[in-house]
N, C-alpha and C. Protein backbone atom coordinates (compact mmCIF):
# COMPACT_ATOMS: atom_id res chain seq x y z
N MET A 1 122.11 102.39 82.56
CA MET A 1 120.68 102.10 82.51
C MET A 1 120.32 101.21 83.70
N MET A 2 119.06 101.26 84.07
CA MET A 2 118.61 100.38 85.14
C MET A 2 117.11 100.18 85.07
N ARG A 3 116.70 99.09 85.72
CA ARG A 3 115.28 98.77 85.83
C ARG A 3 115.08 98.24 87.24
N ILE A 4 114.13 98.81 87.96
CA ILE A 4 113.83 98.38 89.33
C ILE A 4 112.34 98.18 89.44
N THR A 5 111.93 96.97 89.83
CA THR A 5 110.52 96.72 90.09
C THR A 5 110.37 96.16 91.51
N ILE A 6 109.29 96.58 92.14
CA ILE A 6 108.95 96.09 93.49
C ILE A 6 107.46 95.83 93.46
N ASP A 7 107.08 94.58 93.66
CA ASP A 7 105.64 94.29 93.63
C ASP A 7 105.02 94.57 94.99
N ARG A 8 103.71 94.41 95.09
CA ARG A 8 103.02 94.77 96.34
C ARG A 8 103.36 93.83 97.50
N ARG A 9 103.93 92.67 97.20
CA ARG A 9 104.38 91.76 98.28
C ARG A 9 105.82 92.02 98.70
N GLY A 10 106.46 93.02 98.06
CA GLY A 10 107.82 93.38 98.43
C GLY A 10 108.92 92.67 97.65
N ARG A 11 108.54 91.92 96.62
CA ARG A 11 109.56 91.26 95.80
C ARG A 11 110.27 92.29 94.95
N VAL A 12 111.59 92.29 95.05
CA VAL A 12 112.43 93.25 94.35
C VAL A 12 113.15 92.57 93.20
N ASP A 13 113.17 93.24 92.06
CA ASP A 13 114.00 92.83 90.93
C ASP A 13 114.66 94.10 90.41
N ALA A 14 115.95 94.24 90.70
CA ALA A 14 116.69 95.44 90.32
C ALA A 14 117.89 95.02 89.46
N VAL A 15 118.05 95.68 88.34
CA VAL A 15 119.19 95.41 87.47
C VAL A 15 119.69 96.71 86.88
N GLY A 16 121.01 96.83 86.85
CA GLY A 16 121.65 97.97 86.21
C GLY A 16 122.70 97.44 85.24
N TRP A 17 122.93 98.19 84.18
CA TRP A 17 123.95 97.76 83.22
C TRP A 17 124.62 98.97 82.62
N PHE A 18 125.87 98.78 82.25
CA PHE A 18 126.65 99.85 81.64
C PHE A 18 127.70 99.23 80.74
N ASP A 19 128.10 100.00 79.74
CA ASP A 19 129.08 99.54 78.78
C ASP A 19 130.44 100.14 79.11
N LEU A 20 131.48 99.35 78.84
CA LEU A 20 132.84 99.79 79.08
C LEU A 20 133.68 99.63 77.82
N PRO A 21 134.59 100.55 77.55
CA PRO A 21 135.47 100.42 76.39
C PRO A 21 136.68 99.54 76.72
N MET A 22 136.38 98.32 77.14
CA MET A 22 137.42 97.35 77.51
C MET A 22 136.99 95.97 77.04
N PRO A 23 137.95 95.11 76.74
CA PRO A 23 137.60 93.73 76.40
C PRO A 23 136.96 93.04 77.61
N SER A 24 135.99 92.19 77.38
CA SER A 24 135.32 91.50 78.49
C SER A 24 136.32 90.65 79.29
N ALA A 25 137.33 90.09 78.64
CA ALA A 25 138.32 89.28 79.35
C ALA A 25 139.08 90.11 80.39
N ALA A 26 139.38 91.36 80.06
CA ALA A 26 140.08 92.23 81.01
C ALA A 26 139.19 92.56 82.20
N VAL A 27 137.91 92.78 81.94
CA VAL A 27 136.98 93.06 83.03
C VAL A 27 136.80 91.80 83.89
N TRP A 28 136.71 90.64 83.26
CA TRP A 28 136.54 89.40 84.01
C TRP A 28 137.70 89.15 84.97
N VAL A 29 138.91 89.52 84.57
CA VAL A 29 140.07 89.33 85.46
C VAL A 29 139.81 90.01 86.80
N ARG A 30 139.23 91.20 86.78
CA ARG A 30 138.94 91.91 88.02
C ARG A 30 137.69 91.36 88.71
N MET A 31 136.66 91.02 87.93
CA MET A 31 135.44 90.46 88.52
C MET A 31 135.73 89.14 89.22
N ARG A 32 136.64 88.38 88.67
CA ARG A 32 136.99 87.06 89.19
C ARG A 32 137.55 87.14 90.61
N ASP A 33 138.15 88.27 90.93
CA ASP A 33 138.65 88.52 92.28
C ASP A 33 137.45 88.95 93.12
N ILE A 34 136.74 87.97 93.67
CA ILE A 34 135.47 88.22 94.36
C ILE A 34 135.62 89.24 95.48
N GLU A 35 136.65 89.09 96.28
CA GLU A 35 136.82 90.01 97.41
C GLU A 35 136.98 91.45 96.92
N TRP A 36 137.70 91.66 95.84
CA TRP A 36 137.85 93.01 95.28
C TRP A 36 136.54 93.48 94.67
N PHE A 37 135.94 92.64 93.82
CA PHE A 37 134.78 93.09 93.06
C PHE A 37 133.56 93.34 93.94
N LEU A 38 133.31 92.49 94.91
CA LEU A 38 132.14 92.69 95.77
C LEU A 38 132.25 93.96 96.61
N THR A 39 133.47 94.41 96.86
CA THR A 39 133.62 95.67 97.61
C THR A 39 133.44 96.89 96.72
N ARG A 40 133.11 96.71 95.47
CA ARG A 40 132.71 97.85 94.62
C ARG A 40 131.32 98.32 95.04
N ASP A 41 130.53 97.43 95.64
CA ASP A 41 129.24 97.82 96.21
C ASP A 41 129.54 98.75 97.38
N PRO A 42 128.94 99.95 97.43
CA PRO A 42 129.28 100.91 98.49
C PRO A 42 128.93 100.43 99.90
N LEU A 43 128.09 99.41 100.01
CA LEU A 43 127.74 98.89 101.33
C LEU A 43 128.68 97.79 101.80
N HIS A 44 129.39 97.16 100.89
CA HIS A 44 130.30 96.06 101.24
C HIS A 44 131.69 96.62 101.51
N VAL A 45 131.99 96.93 102.75
CA VAL A 45 133.30 97.51 103.06
C VAL A 45 134.40 96.46 103.05
N SER A 46 134.05 95.21 103.31
CA SER A 46 135.01 94.12 103.16
C SER A 46 134.24 92.82 102.97
N VAL A 47 134.92 91.88 102.33
CA VAL A 47 134.34 90.57 102.06
C VAL A 47 135.39 89.52 102.39
N ARG A 48 134.97 88.51 103.12
CA ARG A 48 135.86 87.38 103.39
C ARG A 48 135.26 86.14 102.76
N VAL A 49 136.05 85.47 101.95
CA VAL A 49 135.61 84.26 101.26
C VAL A 49 136.26 83.06 101.92
N THR A 50 135.44 82.09 102.32
CA THR A 50 135.94 80.82 102.85
C THR A 50 135.64 79.75 101.82
N PRO A 51 136.69 79.25 101.13
CA PRO A 51 136.47 78.29 100.05
C PRO A 51 135.72 77.05 100.51
N ALA A 52 134.87 76.55 99.61
CA ALA A 52 134.08 75.35 99.90
C ALA A 52 134.89 74.08 99.67
N GLY A 53 135.88 74.16 98.81
CA GLY A 53 136.67 72.98 98.48
C GLY A 53 137.96 73.39 97.82
N SER A 54 138.58 72.44 97.17
CA SER A 54 139.88 72.70 96.57
C SER A 54 139.79 72.95 95.06
N GLY A 55 138.57 73.05 94.52
CA GLY A 55 138.40 73.22 93.09
C GLY A 55 138.75 74.62 92.62
N GLU A 56 138.82 74.79 91.31
CA GLU A 56 139.11 76.08 90.69
C GLU A 56 137.96 77.06 90.90
N SER A 57 136.74 76.56 90.88
CA SER A 57 135.57 77.42 90.99
C SER A 57 135.27 77.72 92.46
N PRO A 58 134.97 78.98 92.77
CA PRO A 58 134.58 79.31 94.14
C PRO A 58 133.13 78.99 94.47
N LYS A 59 132.41 78.35 93.55
CA LYS A 59 131.01 78.02 93.80
C LYS A 59 130.89 77.25 95.11
N GLY A 60 129.93 77.67 95.93
CA GLY A 60 129.70 77.04 97.23
C GLY A 60 130.48 77.67 98.37
N SER A 61 131.43 78.54 98.05
CA SER A 61 132.22 79.20 99.09
C SER A 61 131.32 80.06 99.98
N SER A 62 131.66 80.13 101.26
CA SER A 62 130.93 80.98 102.21
C SER A 62 131.48 82.40 102.15
N LEU A 63 130.59 83.36 102.39
CA LEU A 63 130.97 84.77 102.37
C LEU A 63 130.59 85.43 103.69
N LEU A 64 131.46 86.29 104.17
CA LEU A 64 131.14 87.20 105.27
C LEU A 64 131.22 88.60 104.67
N LEU A 65 130.08 89.27 104.62
CA LEU A 65 129.97 90.59 103.99
C LEU A 65 129.81 91.64 105.09
N ARG A 66 130.81 92.49 105.26
CA ARG A 66 130.71 93.58 106.24
C ARG A 66 129.97 94.73 105.59
N HIS A 67 128.71 94.92 105.95
CA HIS A 67 127.87 96.00 105.43
C HIS A 67 128.03 97.22 106.33
N ARG A 68 128.27 98.35 105.72
CA ARG A 68 128.35 99.59 106.49
C ARG A 68 127.80 100.75 105.67
N ILE A 69 127.12 101.65 106.35
CA ILE A 69 126.73 102.93 105.77
C ILE A 69 126.97 103.95 106.89
N LEU A 70 127.73 104.97 106.58
CA LEU A 70 128.14 105.97 107.56
C LEU A 70 128.81 105.31 108.77
N GLY A 71 129.54 104.24 108.52
CA GLY A 71 130.31 103.56 109.56
C GLY A 71 129.55 102.56 110.41
N ILE A 72 128.23 102.42 110.21
CA ILE A 72 127.48 101.47 111.02
C ILE A 72 126.78 100.46 110.12
N GLY A 73 126.53 99.31 110.66
CA GLY A 73 125.79 98.30 109.91
C GLY A 73 126.15 96.90 110.36
N PRO A 74 125.38 95.95 109.92
CA PRO A 74 125.58 94.56 110.33
C PRO A 74 126.53 93.82 109.40
N ASP A 75 127.13 92.79 109.93
CA ASP A 75 127.80 91.82 109.07
C ASP A 75 126.73 90.89 108.54
N ARG A 76 126.84 90.53 107.29
CA ARG A 76 125.88 89.64 106.64
C ARG A 76 126.63 88.42 106.14
N VAL A 77 125.89 87.39 105.77
CA VAL A 77 126.49 86.15 105.31
C VAL A 77 125.93 85.78 103.94
N GLY A 78 126.65 84.92 103.26
CA GLY A 78 126.17 84.47 101.96
C GLY A 78 127.00 83.32 101.44
N ARG A 79 126.70 82.95 100.21
CA ARG A 79 127.43 81.89 99.50
C ARG A 79 127.56 82.30 98.05
N VAL A 80 128.58 81.74 97.41
CA VAL A 80 128.68 81.86 95.96
C VAL A 80 127.75 80.79 95.40
N LEU A 81 126.66 81.22 94.78
CA LEU A 81 125.62 80.30 94.32
C LEU A 81 125.91 79.73 92.94
N THR A 82 126.39 80.56 92.04
CA THR A 82 126.73 80.10 90.69
C THR A 82 128.06 80.70 90.30
N TRP A 83 128.72 80.03 89.36
CA TRP A 83 130.00 80.53 88.84
C TRP A 83 130.09 80.11 87.39
N ASN A 84 130.14 81.07 86.50
CA ASN A 84 130.26 80.81 85.07
C ASN A 84 131.56 81.49 84.62
N GLU A 85 132.64 80.72 84.57
CA GLU A 85 133.97 81.25 84.28
C GLU A 85 133.96 82.14 83.03
N GLY A 86 134.50 83.32 83.18
CA GLY A 86 134.59 84.26 82.08
C GLY A 86 133.33 85.07 81.84
N ARG A 87 132.28 84.75 82.57
CA ARG A 87 130.97 85.37 82.31
C ARG A 87 130.35 86.04 83.54
N GLY A 88 130.36 85.35 84.69
CA GLY A 88 129.75 85.97 85.87
C GLY A 88 129.44 84.98 86.97
N TYR A 89 128.78 85.50 88.00
CA TYR A 89 128.43 84.68 89.16
C TYR A 89 127.27 85.31 89.92
N ALA A 90 126.75 84.54 90.85
CA ALA A 90 125.68 85.01 91.74
C ALA A 90 126.04 84.65 93.17
N ILE A 91 125.66 85.54 94.09
CA ILE A 91 125.89 85.30 95.51
C ILE A 91 124.61 85.57 96.28
N SER A 92 124.48 84.94 97.43
CA SER A 92 123.40 85.30 98.34
C SER A 92 123.94 86.34 99.32
N ASP A 93 123.06 87.21 99.80
CA ASP A 93 123.41 88.28 100.74
C ASP A 93 122.29 88.28 101.77
N LEU A 94 122.56 87.69 102.94
CA LEU A 94 121.52 87.41 103.92
C LEU A 94 121.85 87.96 105.30
N SER A 95 120.82 88.30 106.03
CA SER A 95 120.96 88.71 107.42
C SER A 95 121.38 87.51 108.25
N ARG A 96 122.17 87.76 109.27
CA ARG A 96 122.52 86.69 110.21
C ARG A 96 121.33 86.31 111.09
N ARG A 97 120.28 87.13 111.06
CA ARG A 97 119.08 86.85 111.87
C ARG A 97 118.11 85.92 111.16
N GLY A 98 118.43 85.51 109.93
CA GLY A 98 117.56 84.58 109.23
C GLY A 98 117.21 85.05 107.84
N VAL A 99 116.60 84.17 107.08
CA VAL A 99 116.32 84.46 105.67
C VAL A 99 115.02 85.24 105.46
N ARG A 100 114.30 85.55 106.52
CA ARG A 100 113.05 86.30 106.37
C ARG A 100 113.14 87.73 106.89
N THR A 101 114.37 88.20 107.13
CA THR A 101 114.55 89.54 107.67
C THR A 101 115.73 90.23 106.99
N GLY A 102 115.74 91.56 107.03
CA GLY A 102 116.88 92.32 106.56
C GLY A 102 117.16 92.25 105.06
N PHE A 103 116.12 92.27 104.23
CA PHE A 103 116.24 92.22 102.77
C PHE A 103 117.14 91.07 102.29
N PRO A 104 116.66 89.84 102.45
CA PRO A 104 117.41 88.71 101.89
C PRO A 104 117.37 88.80 100.36
N HIS A 105 118.54 88.68 99.72
CA HIS A 105 118.56 88.82 98.27
C HIS A 105 119.72 88.06 97.65
N VAL A 106 119.62 87.91 96.34
CA VAL A 106 120.68 87.31 95.53
C VAL A 106 121.21 88.40 94.62
N CYS A 107 122.52 88.55 94.59
CA CYS A 107 123.18 89.51 93.71
C CYS A 107 123.79 88.76 92.54
N THR A 108 123.65 89.32 91.35
CA THR A 108 124.26 88.74 90.16
C THR A 108 125.21 89.75 89.54
N TYR A 109 126.29 89.22 88.98
CA TYR A 109 127.32 90.03 88.34
C TYR A 109 127.71 89.33 87.05
N GLU A 110 127.56 90.04 85.93
CA GLU A 110 127.84 89.42 84.63
C GLU A 110 128.60 90.39 83.75
N VAL A 111 129.43 89.83 82.87
CA VAL A 111 130.10 90.62 81.84
C VAL A 111 129.84 89.94 80.50
N GLU A 112 129.56 90.75 79.49
CA GLU A 112 129.23 90.24 78.15
C GLU A 112 130.02 91.04 77.12
N ALA A 113 130.70 90.33 76.22
CA ALA A 113 131.43 91.01 75.15
C ALA A 113 130.44 91.62 74.16
N LEU A 114 130.67 92.87 73.81
CA LEU A 114 129.86 93.53 72.78
C LEU A 114 130.68 93.70 71.50
N GLY A 115 131.91 93.38 71.58
CA GLY A 115 132.86 93.49 70.48
C GLY A 115 134.23 93.18 71.05
N GLU A 116 135.24 93.36 70.24
CA GLU A 116 136.59 93.03 70.67
C GLU A 116 137.08 93.92 71.81
N LEU A 117 136.70 95.19 71.77
CA LEU A 117 137.19 96.16 72.75
C LEU A 117 136.09 96.83 73.55
N CYS A 118 134.94 96.16 73.66
CA CYS A 118 133.82 96.75 74.38
C CYS A 118 133.03 95.63 75.08
N CYS A 119 132.52 95.92 76.25
CA CYS A 119 131.72 94.93 76.97
C CYS A 119 130.62 95.62 77.76
N ARG A 120 129.68 94.82 78.21
CA ARG A 120 128.58 95.30 79.05
C ARG A 120 128.67 94.57 80.38
N VAL A 121 128.54 95.32 81.46
CA VAL A 121 128.52 94.75 82.82
C VAL A 121 127.10 94.90 83.33
N ARG A 122 126.56 93.81 83.91
CA ARG A 122 125.23 93.82 84.51
C ARG A 122 125.36 93.51 85.99
N LEU A 123 124.65 94.30 86.79
CA LEU A 123 124.59 94.11 88.24
C LEU A 123 123.13 93.92 88.59
N GLY A 124 122.81 92.90 89.37
CA GLY A 124 121.42 92.67 89.71
C GLY A 124 121.22 92.27 91.15
N ALA A 125 120.01 92.49 91.63
CA ALA A 125 119.61 92.06 92.97
C ALA A 125 118.15 91.64 92.92
N LYS A 126 117.88 90.44 93.42
CA LYS A 126 116.51 89.94 93.54
C LYS A 126 116.31 89.45 94.97
N GLY A 127 115.19 89.84 95.54
CA GLY A 127 114.90 89.41 96.90
C GLY A 127 113.58 89.95 97.36
N ARG A 128 113.40 89.97 98.68
CA ARG A 128 112.16 90.48 99.27
C ARG A 128 112.51 91.61 100.23
N TRP A 129 111.89 92.78 99.97
CA TRP A 129 112.06 93.90 100.89
C TRP A 129 111.22 93.61 102.11
N THR A 130 111.85 93.51 103.27
CA THR A 130 111.15 93.03 104.47
C THR A 130 110.70 94.15 105.40
N THR A 131 111.08 95.38 105.11
CA THR A 131 110.68 96.50 105.96
C THR A 131 109.46 97.16 105.32
N GLY A 132 108.27 96.69 105.71
CA GLY A 132 107.03 97.14 105.08
C GLY A 132 106.66 98.59 105.29
N TRP A 133 107.18 99.22 106.34
CA TRP A 133 106.81 100.60 106.62
C TRP A 133 107.55 101.62 105.76
N VAL A 134 108.60 101.17 105.04
CA VAL A 134 109.35 102.09 104.17
C VAL A 134 108.58 102.24 102.86
N PRO A 135 108.24 103.47 102.45
CA PRO A 135 107.51 103.67 101.19
C PRO A 135 108.31 103.14 99.99
N ARG A 136 107.59 102.55 99.03
CA ARG A 136 108.22 101.94 97.85
C ARG A 136 109.10 102.92 97.08
N PHE A 137 108.69 104.18 96.99
CA PHE A 137 109.51 105.13 96.23
C PHE A 137 110.88 105.32 96.90
N LEU A 138 110.94 105.24 98.24
CA LEU A 138 112.22 105.34 98.93
C LEU A 138 113.07 104.08 98.71
N VAL A 139 112.42 102.93 98.66
CA VAL A 139 113.14 101.68 98.38
C VAL A 139 113.75 101.76 96.99
N ARG A 140 112.96 102.21 96.01
CA ARG A 140 113.46 102.37 94.63
C ARG A 140 114.63 103.34 94.59
N LEU A 141 114.49 104.45 95.27
CA LEU A 141 115.55 105.46 95.31
C LEU A 141 116.83 104.87 95.93
N TRP A 142 116.68 104.14 97.01
CA TRP A 142 117.81 103.50 97.68
C TRP A 142 118.50 102.50 96.73
N LEU A 143 117.71 101.64 96.10
CA LEU A 143 118.28 100.64 95.19
C LEU A 143 118.95 101.31 93.99
N ALA A 144 118.36 102.37 93.47
CA ALA A 144 118.96 103.10 92.35
C ALA A 144 120.31 103.68 92.76
N TRP A 145 120.37 104.24 93.97
CA TRP A 145 121.64 104.78 94.45
C TRP A 145 122.69 103.69 94.56
N VAL A 146 122.33 102.54 95.13
CA VAL A 146 123.29 101.44 95.28
C VAL A 146 123.79 100.99 93.90
N LEU A 147 122.89 100.83 92.93
CA LEU A 147 123.31 100.40 91.59
C LEU A 147 124.23 101.44 90.94
N LYS A 148 123.87 102.71 91.00
CA LYS A 148 124.69 103.75 90.37
C LYS A 148 126.03 103.91 91.09
N ALA A 149 126.03 103.83 92.40
CA ALA A 149 127.29 103.94 93.14
C ALA A 149 128.19 102.74 92.85
N THR A 150 127.61 101.56 92.74
CA THR A 150 128.40 100.37 92.40
C THR A 150 128.99 100.53 91.01
N GLU A 151 128.18 100.97 90.06
CA GLU A 151 128.68 101.22 88.70
C GLU A 151 129.88 102.17 88.73
N ALA A 152 129.75 103.28 89.46
CA ALA A 152 130.83 104.26 89.53
C ALA A 152 132.08 103.64 90.16
N HIS A 153 131.92 102.85 91.21
CA HIS A 153 133.06 102.21 91.86
C HIS A 153 133.71 101.17 90.96
N VAL A 154 132.92 100.45 90.18
CA VAL A 154 133.49 99.48 89.24
C VAL A 154 134.31 100.22 88.19
N MET A 155 133.72 101.26 87.61
CA MET A 155 134.43 102.01 86.56
C MET A 155 135.71 102.65 87.11
N TRP A 156 135.64 103.24 88.28
CA TRP A 156 136.81 103.86 88.90
C TRP A 156 137.87 102.79 89.21
N GLY A 157 137.46 101.68 89.78
CA GLY A 157 138.40 100.62 90.12
C GLY A 157 139.08 100.02 88.90
N LEU A 158 138.32 99.84 87.82
CA LEU A 158 138.91 99.31 86.59
C LEU A 158 139.86 100.33 85.97
N TRP A 159 139.48 101.59 85.99
CA TRP A 159 140.34 102.63 85.45
C TRP A 159 141.66 102.68 86.22
N ARG A 160 141.57 102.66 87.55
CA ARG A 160 142.78 102.70 88.39
C ARG A 160 143.67 101.50 88.14
N SER A 161 143.05 100.32 87.95
CA SER A 161 143.89 99.12 87.74
C SER A 161 144.55 99.13 86.38
N THR A 162 143.98 99.81 85.39
CA THR A 162 144.62 99.86 84.07
C THR A 162 145.74 100.89 84.01
N ILE A 163 145.65 101.99 84.77
CA ILE A 163 146.72 102.98 84.70
C ILE A 163 147.91 102.59 85.56
N ARG A 164 147.75 101.64 86.45
CA ARG A 164 148.86 101.20 87.31
C ARG A 164 149.84 100.32 86.57
N ARG A 165 149.49 99.85 85.41
CA ARG A 165 150.37 98.92 84.68
C ARG A 165 151.53 99.62 84.06
């Protein structure tokens, strides 16, 4: 399922969610590996995390996000904004040219137990679409593709990690 809204000023609120027949703790183990989990997004071909300190939580860590589509794209930067152990986190995803260009946004990733052997994963993005000449229906279509492709990559990655045991 998903919900995508874009207001007339370009503010984006996109969220997708899906249920998995796995305990939330098992999903969290993979989500907790930020470099692995963030590359489930089809645009994030690699992620480098530079820890902010020596604590257990990666909150405040710097991120270098290599964005690519069809082999081309910019490197972007961000930070781990929130960290809720066992539940989820939020990161910023920003253009190196500044916070007012290139769809500056915050991505959220959450897992919620629905029962002992079932959980729900939520993926979200909030920000401002800065390319005004792109029609809103194309922006919605693009965001829907990113959410669905990320969902598929998460499910495939989790499936692969469970059969390797």
